Amino acid sequence: MSTPETPRPSRVQETSEPGEAPGNAEPDRNDLDGNDETSSPVATKRPARKLSWQQLTIVPAMLVVLLLATWLWFQQADLDPVSENALSNGQVSQALREQVELTAISTFFVLIIAIPLGILLTRRAFRKATPVAMALANMGQATPAIGLLALLVIWLGIGRKAALIGMIAYAVLPVLSNTIAGLKANDPTLLEAARGIGMSATGVLRRVELPLAVPLILAGVRTALVLNVGTATLAVFGGGGGLGVLITAGITNQRMPVLVLGSILTVALALLVDWLASLVEVLLRPRGLDL
């Protein structure tokens, strides 16, 4: 009589360890490689920064309407020989070009003076000099612009140099104060963490402190730009030119068209500069601060 054969264990049962559930003896290769779709992190792409249509269109549309209305008004205005002489021979375009040059040059020097000085005054070795520097900057802006320009003309003589120095002294304060405030507002724990991972003092400043302070610094630059556009109209009293030539000619000769044109061009330039600065402020803002 033959004995019944004992059934052989299946392949899975032969390879499984004690206490291990059948079918789990051999792990999946994807698990070993770390390529499992459920366990692998999904790379999220940060959306590109976009400007809203309101930011791109409202101010330019207002400027177009303002300039178009001014042009239509001049088409039907009755200009006498004095007004025509003040507005002819490219004097308007020359005054506008001088206004832009004065604003650009003065703002450039404000940036290369105020931002490095603000960084220096937040370092430990120079913090005691901060009150003195801020007092001088406050004096520069507290002094009436026309009085400051008159003193500079007496000292340096008539010319663009006196006008530029007066504009720079008048616009340093917002950039300097915002640079200092932005750097002081940084979280000390973030700076300590950056030092803890081995960053040098220069690396912490360049990669942590300045990026976090960029919004405040750009706000100060925007304020300085608008201030310089307005102050540049006073450069005419120091022989610096600009749109102030048209404004003073209109006031002196009592010619309303000349005065209106100089004033409208100054307002339009200030609005245009402020709009461009607002776009730059959005584009240069570190993306990590938008989260």
Protein backbone atom coordinates (compact mmCIF):
# COMPACT_ATOMS: atom_id res chain seq x y z
CA MET A 1 0.00 0.00 0.00
CA SER A 2 1.45 3.34 -1.03
CA THR A 3 1.72 6.22 1.39
CA PRO A 4 0.21 9.57 0.38
CA GLU A 5 2.72 12.14 -0.67
CA THR A 6 3.11 15.29 1.39
CA PRO A 7 2.29 18.37 -0.71
CA ARG A 8 5.35 20.48 -1.50
CA PRO A 9 5.29 24.08 -0.34
CA SER A 10 4.84 26.72 -2.96
CA ARG A 11 7.72 28.88 -4.22
CA VAL A 12 6.61 31.79 -2.18
CA GLN A 13 6.32 29.77 0.97
CA GLU A 14 9.81 28.32 0.48
CA THR A 15 11.47 31.72 0.24
CA SER A 16 9.50 33.48 2.93
CA GLU A 17 11.02 34.02 6.31
CA PRO A 18 9.30 33.00 9.53
CA GLY A 19 6.83 35.59 10.66
CA GLU A 20 6.74 37.19 7.21
CA ALA A 21 3.55 37.35 5.26
CA PRO A 22 3.48 35.31 2.10
CA GLY A 23 4.03 37.27 -1.04
CA ASN A 24 6.25 39.87 0.65
CA ALA A 25 9.46 37.90 0.60
CA GLU A 26 11.06 39.81 -2.25
CA PRO A 27 10.70 43.57 -2.02
CA ASP A 28 9.81 45.52 -5.10
CA ARG A 29 12.80 46.84 -7.06
CA ASN A 30 11.19 50.27 -7.17
CA ASP A 31 11.18 50.34 -3.38
CA LEU A 32 14.87 49.48 -3.29
CA ASP A 33 15.74 52.15 -5.81
CA GLY A 34 13.58 54.78 -4.14
CA ASN A 35 11.71 55.37 -7.40
CA ASP A 36 8.24 54.55 -6.21
CA GLU A 37 5.82 57.13 -7.48
CA THR A 38 4.01 57.28 -4.16
CA SER A 39 7.17 57.82 -2.12
CA SER A 40 9.18 60.09 -4.42
CA PRO A 41 8.80 63.80 -3.75
CA VAL A 42 6.99 65.77 -6.41
CA ALA A 43 9.06 68.70 -7.67
CA THR A 44 6.86 71.77 -7.46
CA LYS A 45 7.70 74.53 -9.89
CA ARG A 46 7.16 77.97 -8.53
CA PRO A 47 4.99 80.03 -10.87
CA ALA A 48 6.67 82.92 -12.57
CA ARG A 49 5.95 86.33 -11.13
CA LYS A 50 3.36 88.21 -13.14
CA LEU A 51 2.28 91.82 -13.15
CA SER A 52 -1.43 92.48 -13.05
CA TRP A 53 -3.10 94.32 -15.90
CA GLN A 54 -3.97 97.16 -13.49
CA GLN A 55 -0.29 97.70 -12.72
CA LEU A 56 0.57 97.71 -16.41
CA THR A 57 -2.22 99.87 -17.81
CA ILE A 58 -3.80 102.32 -15.34
CA VAL A 59 -0.94 104.81 -14.94
CA PRO A 60 0.12 104.77 -18.63
CA ALA A 61 -3.51 105.33 -19.64
CA MET A 62 -3.75 108.31 -17.28
CA LEU A 63 -0.55 109.75 -18.70
CA VAL A 64 -1.74 109.33 -22.28
CA VAL A 65 -5.03 111.08 -21.45
CA LEU A 66 -3.20 113.91 -19.65
CA LEU A 67 -0.72 114.53 -22.44
CA LEU A 68 -3.37 114.21 -25.14
CA ALA A 69 -5.59 116.75 -23.38
CA THR A 70 -2.63 119.11 -23.04
CA TRP A 71 -1.81 118.77 -26.74
CA LEU A 72 -5.43 119.43 -27.76
CA TRP A 73 -5.51 122.48 -25.52
CA PHE A 74 -2.36 123.86 -27.11
CA GLN A 75 -3.78 123.31 -30.58
CA GLN A 76 -6.54 125.80 -29.91
CA ALA A 77 -4.62 128.11 -27.59
CA ASP A 78 -3.78 131.59 -28.83
CA LEU A 79 -0.03 131.94 -28.20
CA ASP A 80 1.50 135.38 -28.32
CA PRO A 81 5.07 135.96 -29.59
CA VAL A 82 6.52 135.74 -26.06
CA SER A 83 4.98 132.29 -25.46
CA GLU A 84 5.99 131.07 -28.89
CA ASN A 85 9.55 132.23 -28.31
CA ALA A 86 9.69 130.38 -24.96
CA LEU A 87 8.45 127.14 -26.55
CA SER A 88 10.23 127.22 -29.90
CA ASN A 89 13.62 126.03 -31.15
CA GLY A 90 13.46 122.75 -29.24
CA GLN A 91 13.49 124.41 -25.83
CA VAL A 92 10.79 122.10 -24.48
CA SER A 93 12.60 118.91 -25.47
CA GLN A 94 15.88 120.31 -24.15
CA ALA A 95 14.31 121.18 -20.80
CA LEU A 96 12.74 117.72 -20.55
CA ARG A 97 16.05 116.04 -21.39
CA GLU A 98 17.87 118.09 -18.76
CA GLN A 99 15.22 117.17 -16.20
CA VAL A 100 15.67 113.45 -16.91
CA GLU A 101 19.47 113.77 -16.79
CA LEU A 102 19.40 115.60 -13.45
CA THR A 103 17.07 112.97 -11.97
CA ALA A 104 19.08 110.01 -13.25
CA ILE A 105 22.50 111.36 -12.23
CA SER A 106 21.40 112.45 -8.75
CA THR A 107 19.61 109.15 -8.08
CA PHE A 108 22.69 107.18 -9.17
CA PHE A 109 24.89 109.02 -6.68
CA VAL A 110 22.24 108.67 -3.98
CA LEU A 111 22.30 104.89 -4.44
CA ILE A 112 26.07 104.52 -4.38
CA ILE A 113 26.26 106.71 -1.26
CA ALA A 114 23.21 105.72 0.80
CA ILE A 115 23.09 101.93 0.36
CA PRO A 116 26.77 101.18 1.18
CA LEU A 117 26.62 103.70 4.04
CA GLY A 118 23.47 102.05 5.39
CA ILE A 119 25.15 98.63 5.25
CA LEU A 120 28.23 99.99 6.98
CA LEU A 121 26.22 101.61 9.77
CA THR A 122 24.51 98.30 10.61
CA ARG A 123 27.84 96.56 11.20
CA ARG A 124 28.87 96.22 14.82
CA ALA A 125 32.00 98.35 14.50
CA PHE A 126 30.13 101.39 13.10
CA ARG A 127 26.77 101.26 14.87
CA LYS A 128 27.71 104.10 17.21
CA ALA A 129 28.02 106.42 14.20
CA THR A 130 24.42 105.79 13.10
CA PRO A 131 22.85 108.69 15.06
CA VAL A 132 25.37 111.15 13.62
CA ALA A 133 24.82 109.97 10.04
CA MET A 134 21.03 110.03 10.41
CA ALA A 135 21.18 113.52 11.92
CA LEU A 136 23.16 114.79 8.92
CA ALA A 137 20.75 113.12 6.50
CA ASN A 138 17.79 114.65 8.33
CA MET A 139 19.42 118.07 8.16
CA GLY A 140 19.85 117.67 4.40
CA GLN A 141 16.14 117.03 3.90
CA ALA A 142 14.86 119.36 6.63
CA THR A 143 16.62 122.32 5.00
CA PRO A 144 14.37 123.95 2.37
CA ALA A 145 15.55 122.86 -1.05
CA ILE A 146 15.71 126.37 -2.45
CA GLY A 147 17.73 127.58 0.56
CA LEU A 148 20.14 124.64 0.30
CA LEU A 149 20.57 125.32 -3.41
CA ALA A 150 21.25 129.00 -2.76
CA LEU A 151 23.96 128.14 -0.23
CA LEU A 152 25.57 125.71 -2.67
CA VAL A 153 25.51 128.30 -5.45
CA ILE A 154 27.25 130.79 -3.15
CA TRP A 155 29.86 128.15 -2.33
CA LEU A 156 30.33 126.42 -5.72
CA GLY A 157 29.06 129.00 -8.16
CA ILE A 158 26.30 128.76 -10.75
CA GLY A 159 26.10 125.50 -12.67
CA ARG A 160 24.80 121.95 -12.71
CA LYS A 161 27.27 120.82 -10.04
CA ALA A 162 25.59 122.84 -7.30
CA ALA A 163 22.16 121.64 -8.37
CA LEU A 164 23.21 117.98 -8.33
CA ILE A 165 24.81 118.20 -4.89
CA GLY A 166 21.66 119.82 -3.51
CA MET A 167 19.45 117.11 -5.03
CA ILE A 168 21.68 114.34 -3.67
CA ALA A 169 21.68 115.81 -0.16
CA TYR A 170 17.90 116.16 -0.31
CA ALA A 171 17.22 112.55 -1.41
CA VAL A 172 19.76 110.59 0.65
CA LEU A 173 17.54 110.26 3.74
CA PRO A 174 14.82 107.89 2.45
CA VAL A 175 17.29 105.43 0.93
CA LEU A 176 19.65 105.53 3.93
CA SER A 177 16.90 105.17 6.54
CA ASN A 178 15.16 102.36 4.64
CA THR A 179 18.43 100.47 4.17
CA ILE A 180 19.20 100.64 7.88
CA ALA A 181 15.62 99.74 8.85
CA GLY A 182 15.51 96.81 6.41
CA LEU A 183 18.78 95.32 7.66
CA LYS A 184 17.85 95.80 11.32
CA ALA A 185 14.46 94.15 10.80
CA ASN A 186 16.00 90.80 9.83
CA ASP A 187 15.28 87.93 12.21
CA PRO A 188 18.41 87.26 14.31
CA THR A 189 17.66 83.53 14.36
CA LEU A 190 17.94 83.40 10.56
CA LEU A 191 21.28 85.16 10.66
CA GLU A 192 22.52 82.83 13.40
CA ALA A 193 21.39 79.80 11.39
CA ALA A 194 23.26 81.10 8.33
CA ARG A 195 26.42 81.49 10.39
CA GLY A 196 25.86 78.06 11.87
CA ILE A 197 26.03 76.35 8.47
CA GLY A 198 29.41 77.93 7.80
CA MET A 199 28.59 81.16 5.93
CA SER A 200 31.06 83.99 6.21
CA ALA A 201 29.98 87.47 7.26
CA THR A 202 30.03 88.58 3.62
CA GLY A 203 28.01 85.55 2.58
CA VAL A 204 25.38 86.20 5.25
CA LEU A 205 25.10 89.81 4.12
CA ARG A 206 24.91 88.98 0.43
CA ARG A 207 22.67 85.90 0.56
CA VAL A 208 20.47 86.51 3.61
CA GLU A 209 20.44 90.08 4.93
CA LEU A 210 20.26 92.06 1.69
CA PRO A 211 17.62 89.87 -0.02
CA LEU A 212 15.37 90.18 3.03
CA ALA A 213 15.87 93.96 3.11
CA VAL A 214 15.28 94.48 -0.63
CA PRO A 215 11.59 95.52 -0.36
CA LEU A 216 12.33 98.34 2.08
CA ILE A 217 15.40 99.48 0.14
CA LEU A 218 13.44 99.61 -3.11
CA ALA A 219 10.69 101.62 -1.42
CA GLY A 220 13.30 104.16 -0.36
CA VAL A 221 14.74 104.31 -3.89
CA ARG A 222 11.26 104.89 -5.29
CA THR A 223 10.71 107.78 -2.88
CA ALA A 224 14.09 109.28 -3.76
CA LEU A 225 13.31 109.15 -7.48
CA VAL A 226 10.07 111.09 -7.07
CA LEU A 227 11.79 113.60 -4.79
CA ASN A 228 14.52 114.15 -7.35
CA VAL A 229 12.02 114.79 -10.14
CA GLY A 230 10.41 117.52 -8.07
CA THR A 231 13.67 118.99 -6.80
CA ALA A 232 15.16 119.11 -10.30
CA THR A 233 12.70 121.87 -11.21
CA LEU A 234 14.55 124.11 -8.74
CA ALA A 235 17.87 123.55 -10.51
CA VAL A 236 17.03 126.47 -12.77
CA PHE A 237 17.84 128.88 -9.91
CA GLY A 238 21.37 127.49 -9.86
CA GLY A 239 21.80 127.40 -13.61
CA GLY A 240 21.12 123.66 -13.88
CA GLY A 241 18.31 123.84 -16.43
CA GLY A 242 15.40 121.41 -16.47
CA LEU A 243 11.66 121.95 -16.69
CA GLY A 244 11.98 124.71 -14.13
CA VAL A 245 13.06 126.92 -17.04
CA LEU A 246 9.54 126.74 -18.49
CA ILE A 247 7.87 127.21 -15.11
CA THR A 248 9.91 130.28 -14.17
CA ALA A 249 9.50 131.73 -17.66
CA GLY A 250 5.75 131.34 -17.41
CA ILE A 251 5.65 132.95 -13.97
CA THR A 252 8.06 135.78 -14.82
CA ASN A 253 6.39 136.70 -18.12
CA GLN A 254 2.88 135.89 -16.87
CA ARG A 255 2.28 133.47 -19.70
CA MET A 256 -0.12 130.76 -18.58
CA PRO A 257 0.48 128.33 -21.52
CA VAL A 258 4.21 128.16 -20.77
CA LEU A 259 3.58 127.66 -17.05
CA VAL A 260 0.95 124.98 -17.68
CA LEU A 261 3.18 123.05 -20.07
CA GLY A 262 6.14 123.04 -17.67
CA SER A 263 3.95 121.98 -14.75
CA ILE A 264 2.16 119.20 -16.65
CA LEU A 265 5.40 117.78 -17.99
CA THR A 266 6.85 117.72 -14.47
CA VAL A 267 3.78 115.93 -13.10
CA ALA A 268 3.76 113.45 -15.99
CA LEU A 269 7.46 112.70 -15.53
CA ALA A 270 7.00 112.14 -11.79
CA LEU A 271 4.08 109.76 -12.40
CA LEU A 272 6.02 107.89 -15.08
CA VAL A 273 9.10 107.49 -12.88
CA ASP A 274 6.98 106.31 -9.94
CA TRP A 275 5.19 103.77 -12.18
CA LEU A 276 8.44 102.38 -13.58
CA ALA A 277 9.89 102.17 -10.07
CA SER A 278 6.83 100.25 -8.87
CA LEU A 279 7.31 97.68 -11.65
CA VAL A 280 10.99 97.29 -10.80
CA GLU A 281 10.04 96.94 -7.12
CA VAL A 282 7.75 94.00 -7.96
CA LEU A 283 10.23 92.30 -10.31
CA LEU A 284 13.26 92.61 -8.00
CA ARG A 285 11.46 91.51 -4.85
CA PRO A 286 12.86 88.09 -3.79
CA ARG A 287 10.37 85.37 -4.65
CA GLY A 288 10.75 83.72 -1.29
CA LEU A 289 9.11 86.75 0.35
CA ASP A 290 5.95 86.25 -1.71
CA LEU A 291 5.10 82.97 0.05
